[in-house]
């Protein structure tokens, strides 16, 4: 699993309980355990979201290795407005 710089910074500023829940959810997702996920639509086609309480993690799978890449983490109220897909 790869975490973007934004995700690492966001995790550092969260309460330890929230941080632990998000890390556990990402680990479970990577291991193939069922999580609350959903594929996103245009303009975020190719990305999915992981719901962990009031937080959302925008992630994708690497096309060749299928490795999990967590791109963006924020509260639901602003995550879809603030996330700009990498070019």
PDB file of N, CA and C in Angstrom:
ATOM      1  N   UNK A   1       0.843  -1.173   0.000  1.00  0.00           N
ATOM      2  CA  UNK A   1       0.000   0.000   0.000  1.00  0.00           C
ATOM      3  C   UNK A   1       0.887   1.233   0.000  1.00  0.00           C
ATOM      4  N   UNK A   2       0.485   2.188  -0.815  1.00  0.00           N
ATOM      5  CA  UNK A   2       1.211   3.448  -0.879  1.00  0.00           C
ATOM      6  C   UNK A   2       0.279   4.564  -0.414  1.00  0.00           C
ATOM      7  N   UNK A   3       0.801   5.435   0.452  1.00  0.00           N
ATOM      8  CA  UNK A   3       0.047   6.588   0.928  1.00  0.00           C
ATOM      9  C   UNK A   3       0.649   7.846   0.329  1.00  0.00           C
ATOM     10  N   UNK A   4      -0.194   8.714  -0.212  1.00  0.00           N
ATOM     11  CA  UNK A   4       0.305   9.981  -0.744  1.00  0.00           C
ATOM     12  C   UNK A   4       0.772  10.858   0.416  1.00  0.00           C
ATOM     13  N   UNK A   5       1.537  11.898   0.094  1.00  0.00           N
ATOM     14  CA  UNK A   5       1.998  12.835   1.115  1.00  0.00           C
ATOM     15  C   UNK A   5       0.809  13.489   1.824  1.00  0.00           C
ATOM     16  N   UNK A   6      -0.249  13.768   1.085  1.00  0.00           N
ATOM     17  CA  UNK A   6      -1.435  14.394   1.684  1.00  0.00           C
ATOM     18  C   UNK A   6      -2.065  13.466   2.713  1.00  0.00           C
ATOM     19  N   UNK A   7      -2.161  12.172   2.404  1.00  0.00           N
ATOM     20  CA  UNK A   7      -2.760  11.216   3.330  1.00  0.00           C
ATOM     21  C   UNK A   7      -1.916  11.091   4.590  1.00  0.00           C
ATOM     22  N   UNK A   8      -0.603  11.027   4.439  1.00  0.00           N
ATOM     23  CA  UNK A   8       0.292  10.950   5.598  1.00  0.00           C
ATOM     24  C   UNK A   8       0.112  12.180   6.491  1.00  0.00           C
ATOM     25  N   UNK A   9       0.076  13.361   5.894  1.00  0.00           N
ATOM     26  CA  UNK A   9      -0.095  14.600   6.663  1.00  0.00           C
ATOM     27  C   UNK A   9      -1.463  14.633   7.346  1.00  0.00           C
ATOM     28  N   UNK A  10      -2.504  14.211   6.640  1.00  0.00           N
ATOM     29  CA  UNK A  10      -3.854  14.206   7.217  1.00  0.00           C
ATOM     30  C   UNK A  10      -3.937  13.232   8.387  1.00  0.00           C
ATOM     31  N   UNK A  11      -3.330  12.068   8.262  1.00  0.00           N
ATOM     32  CA  UNK A  11      -3.336  11.097   9.353  1.00  0.00           C
ATOM     33  C   UNK A  11      -2.646  11.651  10.596  1.00  0.00           C
ATOM     34  N   UNK A  12      -1.565  12.380  10.398  1.00  0.00           N
ATOM     35  CA  UNK A  12      -0.814  12.930  11.533  1.00  0.00           C
ATOM     36  C   UNK A  12      -1.640  13.920  12.344  1.00  0.00           C
ATOM     37  N   UNK A  13      -2.561  14.634  11.701  1.00  0.00           N
ATOM     38  CA  UNK A  13      -3.315  15.643  12.431  1.00  0.00           C
ATOM     39  C   UNK A  13      -4.610  15.105  13.034  1.00  0.00           C
ATOM     40  N   UNK A  14      -4.924  13.847  12.785  1.00  0.00           N
ATOM     41  CA  UNK A  14      -6.154  13.257  13.316  1.00  0.00           C
ATOM     42  C   UNK A  14      -5.970  12.764  14.747  1.00  0.00           C
ATOM     43  N   UNK A  15      -7.087  12.631  15.432  1.00  0.00           N
ATOM     44  CA  UNK A  15      -7.100  12.020  16.758  1.00  0.00           C
ATOM     45  C   UNK A  15      -6.598  10.573  16.625  1.00  0.00           C
ATOM     46  N   UNK A  16      -5.853  10.071  17.598  1.00  0.00           N
ATOM     47  CA  UNK A  16      -5.309   8.711  17.493  1.00  0.00           C
ATOM     48  C   UNK A  16      -6.351   7.630  17.214  1.00  0.00           C
ATOM     49  N   UNK A  17      -7.560   7.759  17.762  1.00  0.00           N
ATOM     50  CA  UNK A  17      -8.595   6.754  17.501  1.00  0.00           C
ATOM     51  C   UNK A  17      -9.017   6.753  16.036  1.00  0.00           C
ATOM     52  N   UNK A  18      -9.216   7.940  15.475  1.00  0.00           N
ATOM     53  CA  UNK A  18      -9.588   8.051  14.059  1.00  0.00           C
ATOM     54  C   UNK A  18      -8.455   7.539  13.182  1.00  0.00           C
ATOM     55  N   UNK A  19      -7.237   7.891  13.525  1.00  0.00           N
ATOM     56  CA  UNK A  19      -6.061   7.433  12.770  1.00  0.00           C
ATOM     57  C   UNK A  19      -6.004   5.910  12.758  1.00  0.00           C
ATOM     58  N   UNK A  20      -6.224   5.309  13.905  1.00  0.00           N
ATOM     59  CA  UNK A  20      -6.184   3.845  14.027  1.00  0.00           C
ATOM     60  C   UNK A  20      -7.291   3.204  13.185  1.00  0.00           C
ATOM     61  N   UNK A  21      -8.499   3.770  13.219  1.00  0.00           N
ATOM     62  CA  UNK A  21      -9.615   3.236  12.433  1.00  0.00           C
ATOM     63  C   UNK A  21      -9.324   3.296  10.936  1.00  0.00           C
ATOM     64  N   UNK A  22      -8.762   4.400  10.490  1.00  0.00           N
ATOM     65  CA  UNK A  22      -8.470   4.559   9.062  1.00  0.00           C
ATOM     66  C   UNK A  22      -7.361   3.611   8.642  1.00  0.00           C
ATOM     67  N   UNK A  23      -6.309   3.508   9.435  1.00  0.00           N
ATOM     68  CA  UNK A  23      -5.224   2.578   9.099  1.00  0.00           C
ATOM     69  C   UNK A  23      -5.742   1.137   9.052  1.00  0.00           C
ATOM     70  N   UNK A  24      -6.590   0.771  10.013  1.00  0.00           N
ATOM     71  CA  UNK A  24      -7.145  -0.584  10.035  1.00  0.00           C
ATOM     72  C   UNK A  24      -8.009  -0.820   8.803  1.00  0.00           C
ATOM     73  N   UNK A  25      -8.835   0.156   8.438  1.00  0.00           N
ATOM     74  CA  UNK A  25      -9.696   0.012   7.266  1.00  0.00           C
ATOM     75  C   UNK A  25      -8.869  -0.133   5.991  1.00  0.00           C
ATOM     76  N   UNK A  26      -7.797   0.636   5.860  1.00  0.00           N
ATOM     77  CA  UNK A  26      -6.924   0.524   4.684  1.00  0.00           C
ATOM     78  C   UNK A  26      -6.233  -0.835   4.637  1.00  0.00           C
ATOM     79  N   UNK A  27      -5.775  -1.306   5.788  1.00  0.00           N
ATOM     80  CA  UNK A  27      -5.124  -2.619   5.848  1.00  0.00           C
ATOM     81  C   UNK A  27      -6.110  -3.723   5.474  1.00  0.00           C
ATOM     82  N   UNK A  28      -7.341  -3.630   5.997  1.00  0.00           N
ATOM     83  CA  UNK A  28      -8.364  -4.623   5.664  1.00  0.00           C
ATOM     84  C   UNK A  28      -8.712  -4.575   4.177  1.00  0.00           C
ATOM     85  N   UNK A  29      -8.817  -3.375   3.628  1.00  0.00           N
ATOM     86  CA  UNK A  29      -9.123  -3.221   2.205  1.00  0.00           C
ATOM     87  C   UNK A  29      -8.027  -3.866   1.357  1.00  0.00           C
ATOM     88  N   UNK A  30      -6.793  -3.614   1.726  1.00  0.00           N
ATOM     89  CA  UNK A  30      -5.680  -4.185   0.986  1.00  0.00           C
ATOM     90  C   UNK A  30      -5.671  -5.713   1.071  1.00  0.00           C
ATOM     91  N   UNK A  31      -6.102  -6.244   2.215  1.00  0.00           N
ATOM     92  CA  UNK A  31      -6.139  -7.692   2.416  1.00  0.00           C
ATOM     93  C   UNK A  31      -7.351  -8.346   1.748  1.00  0.00           C
ATOM     94  N   UNK A  32      -8.230  -7.522   1.177  1.00  0.00           N
ATOM     95  CA  UNK A  32      -9.388  -8.058   0.472  1.00  0.00           C
ATOM     96  C   UNK A  32     -10.606  -8.246   1.351  1.00  0.00           C
ATOM     97  N   UNK A  33     -10.547  -7.771   2.593  1.00  0.00           N
ATOM     98  CA  UNK A  33     -11.723  -7.861   3.449  1.00  0.00           C
ATOM     99  C   UNK A  33     -12.724  -6.807   3.018  1.00  0.00           C
ATOM    100  N   UNK A  34     -13.992  -7.160   3.081  1.00  0.00           N
ATOM    101  CA  UNK A  34     -15.044  -6.260   2.615  1.00  0.00           C
ATOM    102  C   UNK A  34     -15.084  -4.979   3.439  1.00  0.00           C
ATOM    103  N   UNK A  35     -15.118  -3.871   2.758  1.00  0.00           N
ATOM    104  CA  UNK A  35     -15.174  -2.552   3.372  1.00  0.00           C
ATOM    105  C   UNK A  35     -16.274  -1.744   2.707  1.00  0.00           C
ATOM    106  N   UNK A  36     -16.588  -0.593   3.287  1.00  0.00           N
ATOM    107  CA  UNK A  36     -17.592   0.306   2.713  1.00  0.00           C
ATOM    108  C   UNK A  36     -16.915   1.140   1.627  1.00  0.00           C
ATOM    109  N   UNK A  37     -16.923   0.614   0.414  1.00  0.00           N
ATOM    110  CA  UNK A  37     -16.269   1.275  -0.706  1.00  0.00           C
ATOM    111  C   UNK A  37     -17.275   1.498  -1.831  1.00  0.00           C
ATOM    112  N   UNK A  38     -16.908   2.404  -2.711  1.00  0.00           N
ATOM    113  CA  UNK A  38     -17.752   2.687  -3.877  1.00  0.00           C
ATOM    114  C   UNK A  38     -16.880   3.288  -4.968  1.00  0.00           C
ATOM    115  N   UNK A  39     -17.092   2.833  -6.185  1.00  0.00           N
ATOM    116  CA  UNK A  39     -16.396   3.414  -7.333  1.00  0.00           C
ATOM    117  C   UNK A  39     -16.968   4.807  -7.580  1.00  0.00           C
ATOM    118  N   UNK A  40     -16.099   5.747  -7.907  1.00  0.00           N
ATOM    119  CA  UNK A  40     -16.528   7.120  -8.158  1.00  0.00           C
ATOM    120  C   UNK A  40     -16.793   7.330  -9.641  1.00  0.00           C
ATOM    121  N   UNK A  41     -17.592   8.330  -9.938  1.00  0.00           N
ATOM    122  CA  UNK A  41     -17.956   8.652 -11.315  1.00  0.00           C
ATOM    123  C   UNK A  41     -17.213   9.897 -11.768  1.00  0.00           C
ATOM    124  N   UNK A  42     -17.410  10.237 -13.019  1.00  0.00           N
ATOM    125  CA  UNK A  42     -16.789  11.415 -13.619  1.00  0.00           C
ATOM    126  C   UNK A  42     -17.002  12.628 -12.726  1.00  0.00           C
ATOM    127  N   UNK A  43     -16.047  13.418 -12.440  1.00  0.00           N
ATOM    128  CA  UNK A  43     -14.713  13.508 -13.018  1.00  0.00           C
ATOM    129  C   UNK A  43     -13.656  12.676 -12.287  1.00  0.00           C
ATOM    130  N   UNK A  44     -14.076  11.821 -11.348  1.00  0.00           N
ATOM    131  CA  UNK A  44     -13.122  11.009 -10.584  1.00  0.00           C
ATOM    132  C   UNK A  44     -13.149   9.547 -11.015  1.00  0.00           C
ATOM    133  N   UNK A  45     -13.491   9.321 -12.258  1.00  0.00           N
ATOM    134  CA  UNK A  45     -13.534   7.976 -12.805  1.00  0.00           C
ATOM    135  C   UNK A  45     -12.167   7.312 -12.633  1.00  0.00           C
ATOM    136  N   UNK A  46     -12.147   6.083 -12.194  1.00  0.00           N
ATOM    137  CA  UNK A  46     -10.895   5.367 -11.963  1.00  0.00           C
ATOM    138  C   UNK A  46     -10.488   5.363 -10.493  1.00  0.00           C
ATOM    139  N   UNK A  47     -11.166   6.179  -9.700  1.00  0.00           N
ATOM    140  CA  UNK A  47     -10.916   6.236  -8.271  1.00  0.00           C
ATOM    141  C   UNK A  47     -12.099   5.621  -7.529  1.00  0.00           C
ATOM    142  N   UNK A  48     -11.851   5.213  -6.307  1.00  0.00           N
ATOM    143  CA  UNK A  48     -12.900   4.711  -5.424  1.00  0.00           C
ATOM    144  C   UNK A  48     -12.784   5.438  -4.107  1.00  0.00           C
ATOM    145  N   UNK A  49     -13.827   5.308  -3.297  1.00  0.00           N
ATOM    146  CA  UNK A  49     -13.769   5.919  -1.977  1.00  0.00           C
ATOM    147  C   UNK A  49     -13.979   4.848  -0.921  1.00  0.00           C
ATOM    148  N   UNK A  50     -13.296   5.033   0.181  1.00  0.00           N
ATOM    149  CA  UNK A  50     -13.437   4.185   1.354  1.00  0.00           C
ATOM    150  C   UNK A  50     -14.038   5.050   2.446  1.00  0.00           C
ATOM    151  N   UNK A  51     -15.162   4.617   3.006  1.00  0.00           N
ATOM    152  CA  UNK A  51     -15.807   5.386   4.062  1.00  0.00           C
ATOM    153  C   UNK A  51     -15.385   4.828   5.415  1.00  0.00           C
ATOM    154  N   UNK A  52     -14.849   5.724   6.262  1.00  0.00           N
ATOM    155  CA  UNK A  52     -14.470   5.372   7.626  1.00  0.00           C
ATOM    156  C   UNK A  52     -15.049   6.459   8.517  1.00  0.00           C
ATOM    157  N   UNK A  53     -16.237   6.220   9.058  1.00  0.00           N
ATOM    158  CA  UNK A  53     -16.902   7.234   9.869  1.00  0.00           C
ATOM    159  C   UNK A  53     -17.168   8.480   9.053  1.00  0.00           C
ATOM    160  N   UNK A  54     -16.742   9.631   9.575  1.00  0.00           N
ATOM    161  CA  UNK A  54     -16.973  10.884   8.843  1.00  0.00           C
ATOM    162  C   UNK A  54     -15.879  11.177   7.829  1.00  0.00           C
ATOM    163  N   UNK A  55     -14.916  10.283   7.699  1.00  0.00           N
ATOM    164  CA  UNK A  55     -13.790  10.488   6.781  1.00  0.00           C
ATOM    165  C   UNK A  55     -13.963   9.654   5.520  1.00  0.00           C
ATOM    166  N   UNK A  56     -13.361  10.158   4.450  1.00  0.00           N
ATOM    167  CA  UNK A  56     -13.336   9.436   3.179  1.00  0.00           C
ATOM    168  C   UNK A  56     -11.894   9.377   2.694  1.00  0.00           C
ATOM    169  N   UNK A  57     -11.511   8.205   2.222  1.00  0.00           N
ATOM    170  CA  UNK A  57     -10.202   8.024   1.604  1.00  0.00           C
ATOM    171  C   UNK A  57     -10.459   7.786   0.121  1.00  0.00           C
ATOM    172  N   UNK A  58      -9.896   8.629  -0.718  1.00  0.00           N
ATOM    173  CA  UNK A  58      -9.968   8.433  -2.166  1.00  0.00           C
ATOM    174  C   UNK A  58      -8.751   7.592  -2.543  1.00  0.00           C
ATOM    175  N   UNK A  59      -9.010   6.463  -3.207  1.00  0.00           N
ATOM    176  CA  UNK A  59      -7.910   5.566  -3.542  1.00  0.00           C
ATOM    177  C   UNK A  59      -8.106   5.004  -4.936  1.00  0.00           C
ATOM    178  N   UNK A  60      -7.056   4.366  -5.413  1.00  0.00           N
ATOM    179  CA  UNK A  60      -7.117   3.656  -6.693  1.00  0.00           C
ATOM    180  C   UNK A  60      -6.201   2.454  -6.607  1.00  0.00           C
ATOM    181  N   UNK A  61      -6.330   1.588  -7.545  1.00  0.00           N
ATOM    182  CA  UNK A  61      -5.449   0.420  -7.657  1.00  0.00           C
ATOM    183  C   UNK A  61      -4.491   0.671  -8.816  1.00  0.00           C
ATOM    184  N   UNK A  62      -3.223   0.358  -8.594  1.00  0.00           N
ATOM    185  CA  UNK A  62      -2.243   0.489  -9.672  1.00  0.00           C
ATOM    186  C   UNK A  62      -2.655  -0.469 -10.783  1.00  0.00           C
ATOM    187  N   UNK A  63      -2.677  -0.001 -12.030  1.00  0.00           N
ATOM    188  CA  UNK A  63      -3.195  -0.823 -13.132  1.00  0.00           C
ATOM    189  C   UNK A  63      -2.445  -2.134 -13.344  1.00  0.00           C
ATOM    190  N   UNK A  64      -1.155  -2.144 -13.125  1.00  0.00           N
ATOM    191  CA  UNK A  64      -0.382  -3.359 -13.391  1.00  0.00           C
ATOM    192  C   UNK A  64      -0.224  -4.242 -12.157  1.00  0.00           C
ATOM    193  N   UNK A  65       0.156  -3.657 -11.044  1.00  0.00           N
ATOM    194  CA  UNK A  65       0.420  -4.449  -9.843  1.00  0.00           C
ATOM    195  C   UNK A  65      -0.806  -4.615  -8.951  1.00  0.00           C
ATOM    196  N   UNK A  66      -1.849  -3.822  -9.198  1.00  0.00           N
ATOM    197  CA  UNK A  66      -3.069  -3.817  -8.391  1.00  0.00           C
ATOM    198  C   UNK A  66      -2.812  -3.413  -6.942  1.00  0.00           C
ATOM    199  N   UNK A  67      -1.691  -2.749  -6.703  1.00  0.00           N
ATOM    200  CA  UNK A  67      -1.388  -2.243  -5.358  1.00  0.00           C
ATOM    201  C   UNK A  67      -2.329  -1.092  -5.028  1.00  0.00           C
ATOM    202  N   UNK A  68      -2.681  -0.985  -3.770  1.00  0.00           N
ATOM    203  CA  UNK A  68      -3.564   0.069  -3.300  1.00  0.00           C
ATOM    204  C   UNK A  68      -2.784   1.371  -3.143  1.00  0.00           C
ATOM    205  N   UNK A  69      -3.311   2.462  -3.711  1.00  0.00           N
ATOM    206  CA  UNK A  69      -2.686   3.779  -3.598  1.00  0.00           C
ATOM    207  C   UNK A  69      -3.727   4.725  -2.996  1.00  0.00           C
ATOM    208  N   UNK A  70      -3.509   5.119  -1.740  1.00  0.00           N
ATOM    209  CA  UNK A  70      -4.404   6.067  -1.065  1.00  0.00           C
ATOM    210  C   UNK A  70      -3.968   7.467  -1.485  1.00  0.00           C
ATOM    211  N   UNK A  71      -4.834   8.169  -2.201  1.00  0.00           N
ATOM    212  CA  UNK A  71      -4.488   9.462  -2.787  1.00  0.00           C
ATOM    213  C   UNK A  71      -4.862  10.658  -1.915  1.00  0.00           C
ATOM    214  N   UNK A  72      -6.026  10.577  -1.217  1.00  0.00           N
ATOM    215  CA  UNK A  72      -6.526  11.764  -0.519  1.00  0.00           C
ATOM    216  C   UNK A  72      -7.392  11.335   0.652  1.00  0.00           C
ATOM    217  N   UNK A  73      -7.269  12.046   1.766  1.00  0.00           N
ATOM    218  CA  UNK A  73      -8.041  11.770   2.980  1.00  0.00           C
ATOM    219  C   UNK A  73      -8.564  13.073   3.542  1.00  0.00           C
ATOM    220  N   UNK A  74      -9.866  13.102   3.792  1.00  0.00           N
ATOM    221  CA  UNK A  74     -10.460  14.305   4.383  1.00  0.00           C
ATOM    222  C   UNK A  74     -11.863  13.953   4.869  1.00  0.00           C
ATOM    223  N   UNK A  75     -12.488  14.879   5.587  1.00  0.00           N
ATOM    224  CA  UNK A  75     -13.868  14.692   6.011  1.00  0.00           C
ATOM    225  C   UNK A  75     -14.788  14.708   4.799  1.00  0.00           C
ATOM    226  N   UNK A  76     -15.882  14.010   4.915  1.00  0.00           N
ATOM    227  CA  UNK A  76     -16.808  13.879   3.806  1.00  0.00           C
ATOM    228  C   UNK A  76     -17.299  15.227   3.295  1.00  0.00           C
ATOM    229  N   UNK A  77     -17.480  16.167   4.192  1.00  0.00           N
ATOM    230  CA  UNK A  77     -18.052  17.453   3.795  1.00  0.00           C
ATOM    231  C   UNK A  77     -17.203  18.214   2.776  1.00  0.00           C
ATOM    232  N   UNK A  78     -15.912  17.912   2.699  1.00  0.00           N
ATOM    233  CA  UNK A  78     -15.068  18.652   1.752  1.00  0.00           C
ATOM    234  C   UNK A  78     -14.216  17.789   0.831  1.00  0.00           C
ATOM    235  N   UNK A  79     -14.196  16.500   1.047  1.00  0.00           N
ATOM    236  CA  UNK A  79     -13.260  15.660   0.283  1.00  0.00           C
ATOM    237  C   UNK A  79     -13.479  15.754  -1.223  1.00  0.00           C
ATOM    238  N   UNK A  80     -14.711  15.753  -1.679  1.00  0.00           N
ATOM    239  CA  UNK A  80     -14.952  15.751  -3.125  1.00  0.00           C
ATOM    240  C   UNK A  80     -14.744  17.118  -3.763  1.00  0.00           C
ATOM    241  N   UNK A  81     -14.776  18.165  -2.949  1.00  0.00           N
ATOM    242  CA  UNK A  81     -14.500  19.505  -3.456  1.00  0.00           C
ATOM    243  C   UNK A  81     -13.001  19.791  -3.496  1.00  0.00           C
ATOM    244  N   UNK A  82     -12.261  19.186  -2.570  1.00  0.00           N
ATOM    245  CA  UNK A  82     -10.850  19.502  -2.415  1.00  0.00           C
ATOM    246  C   UNK A  82      -9.924  18.595  -3.233  1.00  0.00           C
ATOM    247  N   UNK A  83     -10.355  17.385  -3.550  1.00  0.00           N
ATOM    248  CA  UNK A  83      -9.467  16.439  -4.228  1.00  0.00           C
ATOM    249  C   UNK A  83      -9.343  16.762  -5.708  1.00  0.00           C
ATOM    250  N   UNK A  84      -8.121  16.932  -6.146  1.00  0.00           N
ATOM    251  CA  UNK A  84      -7.813  17.118  -7.566  1.00  0.00           C
ATOM    252  C   UNK A  84      -6.973  15.929  -8.003  1.00  0.00           C
ATOM    253  N   UNK A  85      -7.462  15.120  -8.923  1.00  0.00           N
ATOM    254  CA  UNK A  85      -6.707  13.945  -9.361  1.00  0.00           C
ATOM    255  C   UNK A  85      -5.341  14.341  -9.924  1.00  0.00           C
ATOM    256  N   UNK A  86      -4.320  13.506  -9.653  1.00  0.00           N
ATOM    257  CA  UNK A  86      -2.996  13.806 -10.221  1.00  0.00           C
ATOM    258  C   UNK A  86      -3.042  13.707 -11.732  1.00  0.00           C
ATOM    259  N   UNK A  87      -2.273  14.548 -12.398  1.00  0.00           N
ATOM    260  CA  UNK A  87      -2.273  14.530 -13.872  1.00  0.00           C
ATOM    261  C   UNK A  87      -1.267  13.544 -14.398  1.00  0.00           C
TER     262      UNK A  87
END
